[in-house]
């Protein structure tokens, strides 16, 4: 009987999580979609690359001061 209760609780939590995920996903899609009748605009991603040093941490060696 305890195993059945655990299984039903797990199933209910899983279905709840799926329902929440579906509602949030649909809300996101609706909020980011284009308005009806709006002209489609081309979106271009801009990629910038910053120079990184080969090692991690400080870019200059530490200096010890007496």
Protein backbone atom coordinates (compact mmCIF):
# COMPACT_ATOMS: atom_id res chain seq x y z
CA UNK A 1 0.00 0.00 0.00
CA UNK A 2 2.87 2.35 0.79
CA UNK A 3 4.42 1.69 -2.62
CA UNK A 4 1.14 2.61 -4.33
CA UNK A 5 0.96 5.89 -2.39
CA UNK A 6 4.55 6.71 -3.29
CA UNK A 7 3.89 5.93 -6.95
CA UNK A 8 0.75 8.08 -7.04
CA UNK A 9 2.56 10.98 -5.32
CA UNK A 10 5.43 10.70 -7.81
CA UNK A 11 3.00 10.62 -10.72
CA UNK A 12 1.08 13.64 -9.41
CA UNK A 13 4.27 15.65 -8.90
CA UNK A 14 5.51 14.70 -12.37
CA UNK A 15 2.24 15.73 -14.00
CA UNK A 16 2.26 18.99 -12.05
CA UNK A 17 5.81 19.72 -13.18
CA UNK A 18 4.88 18.98 -16.80
CA UNK A 19 1.83 21.25 -16.58
CA UNK A 20 3.86 24.11 -15.10
CA UNK A 21 6.55 23.66 -17.75
CA UNK A 22 3.98 23.65 -20.55
CA UNK A 23 2.27 26.83 -19.28
CA UNK A 24 5.58 28.68 -18.85
CA UNK A 25 6.78 27.55 -22.28
CA UNK A 26 3.57 28.66 -23.97
CA UNK A 27 3.73 32.00 -22.15
CA UNK A 28 7.30 32.52 -23.33
CA UNK A 29 6.41 31.70 -26.94
CA UNK A 30 3.45 34.06 -26.86
CA UNK A 31 5.40 36.92 -25.31
CA UNK A 32 8.28 36.67 -27.79
CA UNK A 33 6.27 36.15 -30.97
CA UNK A 34 5.71 38.93 -33.48
CA UNK A 35 2.50 40.92 -33.42
CA UNK A 36 -0.08 39.95 -36.06
CA UNK A 37 0.37 41.96 -39.25
CA UNK A 38 3.84 43.18 -38.30
CA UNK A 39 6.51 43.08 -40.96
CA UNK A 40 9.17 40.46 -40.22
CA UNK A 41 12.53 41.93 -39.37
CA UNK A 42 15.84 40.23 -39.92
CA UNK A 43 17.80 39.73 -36.74
CA UNK A 44 21.54 39.46 -36.99
CA UNK A 45 23.62 38.14 -34.14
CA UNK A 46 26.85 39.97 -33.45
CA UNK A 47 29.74 37.88 -32.24
CA UNK A 48 32.61 39.54 -30.42
CA UNK A 49 35.67 37.71 -29.23
CA UNK A 50 37.89 39.13 -26.54
CA UNK A 51 41.51 38.15 -26.32
CA UNK A 52 42.06 35.77 -23.45
CA UNK A 53 45.28 34.72 -21.86
CA UNK A 54 46.34 31.13 -22.13
CA UNK A 55 46.36 30.65 -18.37
CA UNK A 56 43.60 31.22 -15.85
CA UNK A 57 43.76 33.74 -13.05
CA UNK A 58 45.82 36.92 -13.05
CA UNK A 59 46.89 38.42 -16.35
CA UNK A 60 50.22 39.59 -14.82
CA UNK A 61 52.43 37.68 -12.38
CA UNK A 62 52.01 38.70 -8.75
CA UNK A 63 54.66 40.96 -7.23
CA UNK A 64 55.77 40.36 -3.66
CA UNK A 65 56.60 43.49 -1.66
CA UNK A 66 58.57 43.43 1.60
